[in-house]
Amino acid sequence: MDFEREIVQVSMNGQGVLSRRGFLQAIGLGAAGLAGAAPASFMDLMTLKADEIRKHEMACILLWMGGGPSQLETFDPKPGTEHGGTTKAISTSVPGISIAEGWNQTAKVMNDIALIRSMTNKEGNHQRATYQLHTGYVPSATIKHPHIGCSAISEMGESKFDLPHIVSIGGPTIGAGYLGAALEPFVVQNPDKPPENTQPQVATDRFKRRLGLLDHLEGAGFERTGGGDRVRDHRALYRQTARMILSPHMRAFHLDDEPSPLRDAYGRNPFGQGCLLARRLVQAGATFVEVRSNGWDTHQQNNERVLKIANQVDPGFATLISDLKSRGMLDKTLVIWMGEFGRTPKINPSAGRDHFPRVFNVALAGGGIKGGRVVGASTADGSDVKDNPIGVSDLLASVCHGLKVDPTKENMTPIGRPIKIVDGGKVIPSLFG
């Protein structure tokens, strides 16, 4: 009975509630040797499954630039102006569209990218703006709103799919909020390694017997003492996790299956490899993948720091778009590049740029987006929106539109309060042409 006691104890958190991480740790103590090597036709299997398990046959990859990327050193440069700094502009594959130096690979795929240069918001605090850009709502003391990806998968995801529908690569992101634990993002810290505690150590039949014993112990214990709801949620989560561990789709997490030249093209760094993993997960059938890049809070030495980060993000972003396109996946995969706000046009005494939500930029590709265009504009000095101001709710309503999800759909909170996926936003027609 030692194993049974251990799996119950390890998989519960401090409040006696099952956590996915705890369950993975528990079954990792004695669980697999099951799937073995992937079948030779694994890539074909992933290609077929992707369309079968997704109700609307759409997916989304969010490239999150944590810290707030400077619009003047990314996709809205203003060389030769008072606030332009030393950054130079480079031409792109689309005549008339220039972006900042350091984004040479992205410039080559501009035909597939739409730039929004007139994003505007009021939140200049990292935590509040990050929450808002991920959920469409400002933070509240009374409710936790869900990640837009969690809202999307609640509409799009196939309930019997055996991998997580939403994955965050490079660290944790905003959670599922009132949608519940079953829709929480699955976190992958290091894309170069398969997720920890997902390699079972015993045969499949024995693993399933242990799960059955755990189910029996819970029924004989908590369920008979008034904990029926908790046991039901617990069982749903560990069954979902068990399906993942037993799935042949777990091979999607193994980047060593990819050819070296392609891995090199994405960039041999966490962000680049994260983008490659995102493509593999979407190809396997995942609905929403976030890949995180940090370090964009450039209060000091802005230009040098942006160039250094761009050296990693640029090849990952560009190769992701071209890779998806070459596989016929771009039309059904919406790619979003964004951070929580922009940076001040005026350079501070530390050669940096400070928080600036008044005007910033976002890049989108795939998912019905018409590339090779710019939506909106900032003023000549970059201090304000010149035309076509676009708010956060407008952006997220457009994301929903691209994914064929109704942004006005109301979800019910546990206390019976209806809340829309996106409140008040309007789809940006010029993105879809």
Protein backbone atom coordinates (compact mmCIF):
# COMPACT_ATOMS: atom_id res chain seq x y z
CA MET A 1 0.00 0.00 0.00
CA ASP A 2 3.01 2.36 0.10
CA PHE A 3 2.64 3.30 -3.55
CA GLU A 4 -1.07 4.01 -3.20
CA ARG A 5 -0.51 6.28 -0.21
CA GLU A 6 2.34 8.03 -2.00
CA ILE A 7 0.42 8.75 -5.18
CA VAL A 8 -2.47 10.28 -3.23
CA GLN A 9 -0.17 12.39 -1.05
CA VAL A 10 2.10 13.64 -3.84
CA SER A 11 -0.67 14.50 -6.28
CA MET A 12 -2.55 16.70 -3.81
CA ASN A 13 -1.51 20.28 -3.22
CA GLY A 14 -1.60 22.03 0.13
CA GLN A 15 -5.37 22.44 -0.01
CA GLY A 16 -6.00 18.78 -0.75
CA VAL A 17 -6.70 19.51 -4.43
CA LEU A 18 -5.08 17.61 -7.27
CA SER A 19 -2.56 19.49 -9.38
CA ARG A 20 -1.42 18.30 -12.79
CA ARG A 21 2.22 18.75 -11.77
CA GLY A 22 1.64 16.74 -8.60
CA PHE A 23 -0.03 13.95 -10.48
CA LEU A 24 2.76 13.81 -13.03
CA GLN A 25 5.30 13.59 -10.22
CA ALA A 26 3.30 10.84 -8.57
CA ILE A 27 2.85 8.58 -11.53
CA GLY A 28 6.44 9.25 -12.55
CA LEU A 29 7.42 7.29 -9.46
CA GLY A 30 6.37 4.10 -11.11
CA ALA A 31 4.43 4.57 -14.27
CA ALA A 32 5.52 3.73 -17.83
CA GLY A 33 7.66 2.00 -20.34
CA LEU A 34 4.50 2.07 -22.33
CA ALA A 35 4.57 3.87 -25.58
CA GLY A 36 8.15 3.12 -26.58
CA ALA A 37 9.34 4.59 -29.82
CA ALA A 38 6.91 6.50 -32.02
CA PRO A 39 5.60 4.70 -35.08
CA ALA A 40 7.37 5.37 -38.38
CA SER A 41 4.28 7.16 -39.67
CA PHE A 42 4.10 9.55 -36.74
CA MET A 43 4.37 12.74 -38.83
CA ASP A 44 1.58 11.51 -41.08
CA LEU A 45 -0.48 10.68 -38.01
CA MET A 46 -0.01 14.22 -36.66
CA THR A 47 -1.05 15.77 -39.98
CA LEU A 48 -4.24 13.71 -40.11
CA LYS A 49 -5.16 14.20 -36.48
CA ALA A 50 -4.84 17.98 -36.53
CA ASP A 51 -7.94 18.43 -38.69
CA GLU A 52 -9.90 15.58 -37.14
CA ILE A 53 -9.78 16.72 -33.52
CA ARG A 54 -10.28 20.44 -33.96
CA LYS A 55 -13.91 21.38 -34.39
CA HIS A 56 -13.17 24.52 -36.40
CA GLU A 57 -9.84 23.29 -37.78
CA MET A 58 -8.08 26.38 -36.45
CA ALA A 59 -5.18 26.98 -34.07
CA CYS A 60 -3.26 29.91 -32.64
CA ILE A 61 0.37 30.54 -31.71
CA LEU A 62 1.00 33.58 -29.51
CA LEU A 63 4.56 34.89 -29.44
CA TRP A 64 4.63 36.90 -26.21
CA MET A 65 7.28 39.62 -25.85
CA GLY A 66 7.32 39.99 -22.07
CA GLY A 67 8.32 43.43 -20.82
CA GLY A 68 6.93 45.58 -23.61
CA PRO A 69 8.86 45.76 -26.92
CA SER A 70 9.78 49.15 -28.33
CA GLN A 71 7.76 49.84 -31.45
CA LEU A 72 10.53 52.13 -32.74
CA GLU A 73 13.08 49.30 -32.69
CA THR A 74 10.73 46.65 -34.07
CA PHE A 75 8.01 47.39 -36.63
CA ASP A 76 7.45 51.16 -36.54
CA PRO A 77 10.93 52.76 -36.86
CA LYS A 78 11.34 56.50 -37.32
CA PRO A 79 14.95 57.07 -38.38
CA GLY A 80 16.12 60.64 -38.73
CA THR A 81 13.46 62.03 -36.38
CA GLU A 82 13.91 63.57 -32.95
CA HIS A 83 12.88 60.39 -31.14
CA GLY A 84 14.05 57.84 -33.68
CA GLY A 85 17.39 57.24 -32.00
CA THR A 86 20.15 55.45 -33.88
CA THR A 87 17.91 52.68 -35.22
CA LYS A 88 17.88 52.32 -39.00
CA ALA A 89 14.99 51.10 -41.13
CA ILE A 90 15.31 48.20 -43.55
CA SER A 91 13.21 47.33 -46.59
CA THR A 92 10.94 44.29 -46.60
CA SER A 93 9.51 41.97 -49.25
CA VAL A 94 6.60 44.40 -49.53
CA PRO A 95 7.43 47.70 -51.28
CA GLY A 96 6.68 50.66 -49.05
CA ILE A 97 6.82 48.75 -45.76
CA SER A 98 9.99 49.19 -43.72
CA ILE A 99 10.82 47.77 -40.30
CA ALA A 100 13.72 48.23 -37.89
CA GLU A 101 17.18 46.80 -38.46
CA GLY A 102 17.80 43.49 -36.75
CA TRP A 103 14.61 41.97 -38.18
CA ASN A 104 16.10 40.84 -41.49
CA GLN A 105 14.44 37.41 -41.56
CA THR A 106 11.04 38.83 -40.66
CA ALA A 107 11.43 41.37 -43.46
CA LYS A 108 11.62 38.49 -45.95
CA VAL A 109 8.18 37.13 -44.96
CA MET A 110 6.38 40.47 -44.72
CA ASN A 111 4.04 39.35 -47.52
CA ASP A 112 2.41 37.11 -44.92
CA ILE A 113 2.42 39.62 -42.03
CA ALA A 114 -0.01 42.40 -41.15
CA LEU A 115 1.35 45.13 -38.88
CA ILE A 116 -0.88 47.12 -36.55
CA ARG A 117 0.91 50.39 -35.75
CA SER A 118 -1.96 52.09 -33.94
CA MET A 119 -2.54 49.90 -30.89
CA THR A 120 -3.49 52.05 -27.91
CA ASN A 121 -4.30 51.38 -24.25
CA LYS A 122 -4.15 52.98 -20.80
CA GLU A 123 -2.47 50.29 -18.71
CA GLY A 124 1.24 51.02 -18.19
CA ASN A 125 1.86 48.53 -15.38
CA HIS A 126 3.43 45.22 -16.44
CA GLN A 127 1.16 42.93 -14.46
CA ARG A 128 -2.07 44.76 -15.26
CA ALA A 129 -1.29 45.18 -18.96
CA THR A 130 -0.13 41.57 -19.31
CA TYR A 131 -3.38 40.39 -17.75
CA GLN A 132 -5.43 42.66 -20.03
CA LEU A 133 -3.66 41.69 -23.27
CA HIS A 134 -4.16 38.01 -22.41
CA THR A 135 -7.78 38.21 -21.23
CA GLY A 136 -9.36 41.34 -22.68
CA TYR A 137 -10.23 42.57 -19.19
CA VAL A 138 -8.47 44.71 -16.60
CA PRO A 139 -7.67 42.89 -13.36
CA SER A 140 -10.44 42.61 -10.79
CA ALA A 141 -10.37 41.73 -7.11
CA THR A 142 -13.54 39.67 -7.44
CA ILE A 143 -12.93 37.50 -10.49
CA LYS A 144 -10.11 35.85 -12.41
CA HIS A 145 -10.74 36.11 -16.13
CA PRO A 146 -9.44 33.35 -18.42
CA HIS A 147 -6.57 33.56 -20.88
CA ILE A 148 -8.01 34.21 -24.36
CA GLY A 149 -6.51 30.86 -25.37
CA CYS A 150 -8.46 29.09 -22.62
CA SER A 151 -11.65 30.76 -23.84
CA ALA A 152 -10.84 29.70 -27.38
CA ILE A 153 -10.23 26.05 -26.51
CA SER A 154 -13.44 25.92 -24.49
CA GLU A 155 -15.18 26.57 -27.82
CA MET A 156 -12.84 24.76 -30.23
CA GLY A 157 -11.16 21.92 -28.39
CA GLU A 158 -12.06 18.27 -28.75
CA SER A 159 -12.71 16.94 -25.26
CA LYS A 160 -11.14 13.53 -25.96
CA PHE A 161 -7.88 14.92 -27.35
CA ASP A 162 -5.00 13.33 -25.46
CA LEU A 163 -2.52 16.25 -25.31
CA PRO A 164 -3.08 19.59 -23.58
CA HIS A 165 -5.04 21.95 -25.82
CA ILE A 166 -3.21 24.99 -24.49
CA VAL A 167 0.53 25.03 -23.81
CA SER A 168 2.81 27.80 -22.54
CA ILE A 169 6.46 27.40 -23.58
CA GLY A 170 9.14 29.24 -21.65
CA GLY A 171 7.26 29.76 -18.40
CA PRO A 172 3.78 30.17 -16.92
CA THR A 173 1.17 32.49 -18.36
CA ILE A 174 -2.26 33.76 -17.34
CA GLY A 175 -4.49 30.90 -16.23
CA ALA A 176 -7.96 29.61 -17.04
CA GLY A 177 -9.65 31.67 -14.32
CA TYR A 178 -13.30 30.84 -13.80
CA LEU A 179 -13.23 28.29 -16.66
CA GLY A 180 -11.62 25.80 -14.27
CA ALA A 181 -8.55 23.63 -13.83
CA ALA A 182 -9.26 21.38 -16.82
CA LEU A 183 -8.44 24.29 -19.16
CA GLU A 184 -5.30 25.50 -17.39
CA PRO A 185 -2.28 25.99 -19.67
CA PHE A 186 0.29 23.19 -19.58
CA VAL A 187 3.71 24.76 -18.91
CA VAL A 188 6.88 23.65 -20.70
CA GLN A 189 9.92 25.36 -19.21
CA ASN A 190 12.54 24.01 -21.60
CA PRO A 191 11.48 23.19 -25.19
CA ASP A 192 14.69 21.18 -25.74
CA LYS A 193 13.53 18.52 -23.29
CA PRO A 194 10.28 16.56 -23.04
CA PRO A 195 8.13 17.60 -20.06
CA GLU A 196 9.35 16.20 -16.75
CA ASN A 197 7.61 13.25 -15.10
CA THR A 198 5.91 12.09 -18.30
CA GLN A 199 8.06 9.01 -18.90
CA PRO A 200 6.29 6.04 -17.22
CA GLN A 201 8.41 3.31 -15.69
CA VAL A 202 6.10 0.29 -15.71
CA ALA A 203 4.01 -1.53 -18.29
CA THR A 204 0.72 -0.03 -19.47
CA ASP A 205 -1.52 -2.62 -17.81
CA ARG A 206 0.16 -2.15 -14.45
CA PHE A 207 -0.07 1.62 -14.79
CA LYS A 208 -3.81 1.36 -15.45
CA ARG A 209 -4.30 -0.96 -12.47
CA ARG A 210 -2.66 1.64 -10.25
CA LEU A 211 -5.00 4.31 -11.57
CA GLY A 212 -7.93 2.01 -10.87
CA LEU A 213 -6.71 1.47 -7.31
CA LEU A 214 -6.40 5.21 -6.77
CA ASP A 215 -9.94 5.64 -8.06
CA HIS A 216 -11.16 2.98 -5.61
CA LEU A 217 -9.32 4.55 -2.68
CA GLU A 218 -10.83 7.95 -3.37
CA GLY A 219 -14.30 6.49 -3.68
CA ALA A 220 -13.92 4.64 -0.41
CA GLY A 221 -12.46 7.67 1.35
CA PHE A 222 -13.23 11.25 0.33
CA GLU A 223 -16.39 10.45 -1.64
CA ARG A 224 -18.08 8.83 1.34
CA THR A 225 -17.28 11.70 3.65
CA GLY A 226 -18.89 14.56 1.73
CA GLY A 227 -16.10 15.20 -0.78
CA GLY A 228 -17.94 14.06 -3.89
CA ASP A 229 -17.39 17.25 -5.90
CA ARG A 230 -13.69 17.31 -5.11
CA VAL A 231 -13.29 13.64 -6.01
CA ARG A 232 -15.11 14.19 -9.31
CA ASP A 233 -12.78 17.06 -10.29
CA HIS A 234 -9.78 15.08 -9.08
CA ARG A 235 -10.70 12.07 -11.19
CA ALA A 236 -11.34 14.17 -14.30
CA LEU A 237 -7.93 15.80 -14.04
CA TYR A 238 -5.88 12.67 -13.43
CA ARG A 239 -7.71 10.80 -16.19
CA GLN A 240 -6.96 13.66 -18.56
CA THR A 241 -3.32 13.59 -17.49
CA ALA A 242 -3.14 9.81 -17.82
CA ARG A 243 -4.46 10.03 -21.39
CA MET A 244 -1.67 12.47 -22.17
CA ILE A 245 1.06 10.25 -20.74
CA LEU A 246 -0.21 7.18 -22.59
CA SER A 247 -0.57 9.04 -25.88
CA PRO A 248 1.70 8.45 -28.90
CA HIS A 249 1.31 12.19 -29.54
CA MET A 250 3.74 12.81 -26.68
CA ARG A 251 6.39 12.36 -29.37
CA ALA A 252 5.50 15.91 -30.46
CA PHE A 253 7.60 17.17 -27.54
CA HIS A 254 10.76 15.52 -28.93
CA LEU A 255 12.52 18.12 -31.07
CA ASP A 256 15.32 15.71 -31.91
CA ASP A 257 12.95 14.20 -34.48
CA GLU A 258 13.40 17.36 -36.57
CA PRO A 259 16.25 17.75 -39.10
CA SER A 260 19.21 19.78 -37.85
CA PRO A 261 19.05 22.41 -40.62
CA LEU A 262 15.47 23.27 -39.67
CA ARG A 263 16.35 23.50 -35.98
CA ASP A 264 19.24 25.80 -36.93
CA ALA A 265 16.90 27.98 -39.00
CA TYR A 266 14.57 28.48 -36.03
CA GLY A 267 17.56 29.41 -33.86
CA ARG A 268 19.33 27.24 -31.30
CA ASN A 269 17.96 29.19 -28.35
CA PRO A 270 14.91 28.72 -26.08
CA PHE A 271 12.66 31.04 -28.09
CA GLY A 272 13.57 29.60 -31.49
CA GLN A 273 13.20 26.02 -30.32
CA GLY A 274 9.99 27.03 -28.56
CA CYS A 275 8.60 28.21 -31.91
CA LEU A 276 9.52 24.87 -33.47
CA LEU A 277 7.83 23.01 -30.61
CA ALA A 278 4.77 25.21 -31.08
CA ARG A 279 4.54 24.16 -34.73
CA ARG A 280 4.88 20.49 -33.76
CA LEU A 281 2.18 20.77 -31.10
CA VAL A 282 -0.25 22.50 -33.46
CA GLN A 283 0.51 19.88 -36.08
CA ALA A 284 -0.25 17.20 -33.49
CA GLY A 285 -3.61 18.83 -32.73
CA ALA A 286 -3.05 21.38 -29.94
CA THR A 287 -5.26 24.44 -30.29
CA PHE A 288 -3.34 27.27 -28.61
CA VAL A 289 0.38 27.56 -27.90
CA GLU A 290 2.13 30.52 -26.31
CA VAL A 291 5.89 30.98 -26.71
CA ARG A 292 7.41 33.49 -24.30
CA SER A 293 10.37 35.82 -24.84
CA ASN A 294 11.41 37.93 -21.86
CA GLY A 295 13.75 40.86 -21.35
CA TRP A 296 11.89 43.55 -23.31
CA ASP A 297 11.69 45.99 -20.37
CA THR A 298 14.44 48.18 -21.81
CA HIS A 299 14.73 51.14 -19.42
CA GLN A 300 18.48 51.17 -20.04
CA GLN A 301 20.46 50.78 -23.27
CA ASN A 302 17.32 50.15 -25.29
CA ASN A 303 18.85 49.85 -28.76
CA GLU A 304 21.59 47.42 -27.80
CA ARG A 305 19.25 45.23 -25.77
CA VAL A 306 16.55 45.12 -28.44
CA LEU A 307 19.09 44.13 -31.09
CA LYS A 308 20.35 41.33 -28.85
CA ILE A 309 16.86 39.94 -28.22
CA ALA A 310 15.85 40.38 -31.86
CA ASN A 311 18.79 38.20 -32.82
CA GLN A 312 16.90 35.32 -31.17
CA VAL A 313 13.28 36.29 -31.89
CA ASP A 314 13.65 37.33 -35.55
CA PRO A 315 14.68 33.90 -36.96
CA GLY A 316 12.17 32.05 -34.77
CA PHE A 317 9.28 34.30 -35.83
CA ALA A 318 10.15 34.27 -39.53
CA THR A 319 10.92 30.55 -39.75
CA LEU A 320 7.69 29.70 -37.92
CA ILE A 321 5.69 31.56 -40.58
CA SER A 322 7.56 30.05 -43.52
CA ASP A 323 7.49 26.55 -41.97
CA LEU A 324 3.74 26.69 -41.36
CA LYS A 325 3.20 27.98 -44.89
CA SER A 326 5.32 25.27 -46.50
CA ARG A 327 3.25 22.61 -44.72
CA GLY A 328 -0.08 24.14 -45.74
CA MET A 329 -0.81 25.05 -42.11
CA LEU A 330 -0.62 28.86 -42.13
CA ASP A 331 -4.17 29.48 -43.33
CA LYS A 332 -5.47 27.57 -40.31
CA THR A 333 -2.93 28.84 -37.78
CA LEU A 334 -3.13 32.40 -36.49
CA VAL A 335 0.29 33.72 -35.37
CA ILE A 336 0.38 36.75 -33.06
CA TRP A 337 3.50 38.71 -32.08
CA MET A 338 2.86 41.17 -29.22
CA GLY A 339 3.78 42.43 -25.78
CA GLU A 340 1.92 44.32 -23.06
CA PHE A 341 2.67 47.84 -24.35
CA GLY A 342 5.28 49.90 -26.22
CA ARG A 343 8.09 52.20 -25.16
CA THR A 344 8.30 55.97 -24.90
CA PRO A 345 9.31 57.89 -28.02
CA LYS A 346 11.62 60.04 -25.90
CA ILE A 347 14.87 58.36 -24.94
CA ASN A 348 15.63 58.64 -21.23
CA PRO A 349 19.00 59.61 -19.67
CA SER A 350 19.97 55.92 -19.45
CA ALA A 351 19.64 55.53 -23.23
CA GLY A 352 16.47 53.52 -22.59
CA ARG A 353 12.78 53.86 -23.29
CA ASP A 354 10.11 53.67 -20.59
CA HIS A 355 6.57 52.22 -20.51
CA PHE A 356 4.24 53.65 -23.15
CA PRO A 357 0.75 52.18 -23.70
CA ARG A 358 -0.53 55.16 -25.71
CA VAL A 359 0.75 53.75 -28.99
CA PHE A 360 2.47 50.45 -29.79
CA ASN A 361 2.54 47.75 -32.46
CA VAL A 362 1.41 44.16 -33.01
CA ALA A 363 2.17 41.76 -35.86
CA LEU A 364 -0.16 39.00 -37.10
CA ALA A 365 0.00 36.30 -39.77
CA GLY A 366 -2.08 33.33 -40.90
CA GLY A 367 -5.58 32.46 -39.78
CA GLY A 368 -7.24 34.49 -42.53
CA ILE A 369 -5.02 37.55 -41.98
CA LYS A 370 -4.14 39.36 -45.21
CA GLY A 371 -0.40 39.91 -45.13
CA GLY A 372 1.73 42.60 -46.69
CA ARG A 373 -0.16 45.49 -45.15
CA VAL A 374 -0.04 48.06 -42.36
CA VAL A 375 -3.12 48.90 -40.30
CA GLY A 376 -3.20 52.31 -38.64
CA ALA A 377 -0.32 54.71 -38.05
CA SER A 378 1.43 56.63 -35.32
CA THR A 379 2.33 60.29 -35.54
CA ALA A 380 5.62 61.40 -37.07
CA ASP A 381 7.25 61.72 -33.65
CA GLY A 382 5.68 58.48 -32.37
CA SER A 383 3.95 60.19 -29.47
CA ASP A 384 0.35 59.29 -30.39
CA VAL A 385 -1.93 57.46 -32.78
CA LYS A 386 -2.32 59.30 -36.08
CA ASP A 387 -5.21 57.30 -37.50
CA ASN A 388 -7.32 54.18 -36.86
CA PRO A 389 -6.81 53.70 -33.10
CA ILE A 390 -7.19 50.06 -32.11
CA GLY A 391 -7.86 48.96 -28.54
CA VAL A 392 -7.12 45.69 -26.80
CA SER A 393 -10.72 44.47 -27.08
CA ASP A 394 -10.67 45.18 -30.84
CA LEU A 395 -7.49 43.13 -31.22
CA LEU A 396 -8.83 40.17 -29.24
CA ALA A 397 -12.20 40.30 -31.01
CA SER A 398 -10.24 40.04 -34.27
CA VAL A 399 -8.25 37.11 -32.88
CA CYS A 400 -11.53 35.35 -32.10
CA HIS A 401 -12.81 36.14 -35.58
CA GLY A 402 -9.69 34.62 -37.12
CA LEU A 403 -10.22 31.48 -35.04
CA LYS A 404 -13.94 31.36 -35.92
CA VAL A 405 -14.91 31.86 -32.28
CA ASP A 406 -17.76 34.21 -31.36
CA PRO A 407 -16.19 36.90 -29.13
CA THR A 408 -19.61 37.81 -27.72
CA LYS A 409 -20.21 34.26 -26.43
CA GLU A 410 -20.99 34.36 -22.72
CA ASN A 411 -19.45 31.93 -20.27
CA MET A 412 -20.97 31.43 -16.84
CA THR A 413 -18.85 31.92 -13.73
CA PRO A 414 -19.25 29.57 -10.74
CA ILE A 415 -21.57 32.10 -9.10
CA GLY A 416 -23.79 32.33 -12.16
CA ARG A 417 -22.48 35.56 -13.67
CA PRO A 418 -22.40 35.63 -17.51
CA ILE A 419 -19.20 37.14 -18.96
CA LYS A 420 -18.38 37.57 -22.64
CA ILE A 421 -15.16 36.20 -24.08
CA VAL A 422 -14.35 39.75 -25.24
CA ASP A 423 -16.39 42.71 -24.04
CA GLY A 424 -17.09 45.54 -26.46
CA GLY A 425 -14.42 44.90 -29.09
CA LYS A 426 -15.00 45.24 -32.82
CA VAL A 427 -13.35 43.08 -35.46
CA ILE A 428 -10.74 45.00 -37.50
CA PRO A 429 -11.99 44.47 -41.07
CA SER A 430 -8.78 45.68 -42.75
CA LEU A 431 -6.87 42.75 -41.21
CA PHE A 432 -8.96 40.28 -43.15
CA GLY A 433 -9.45 42.27 -46.33
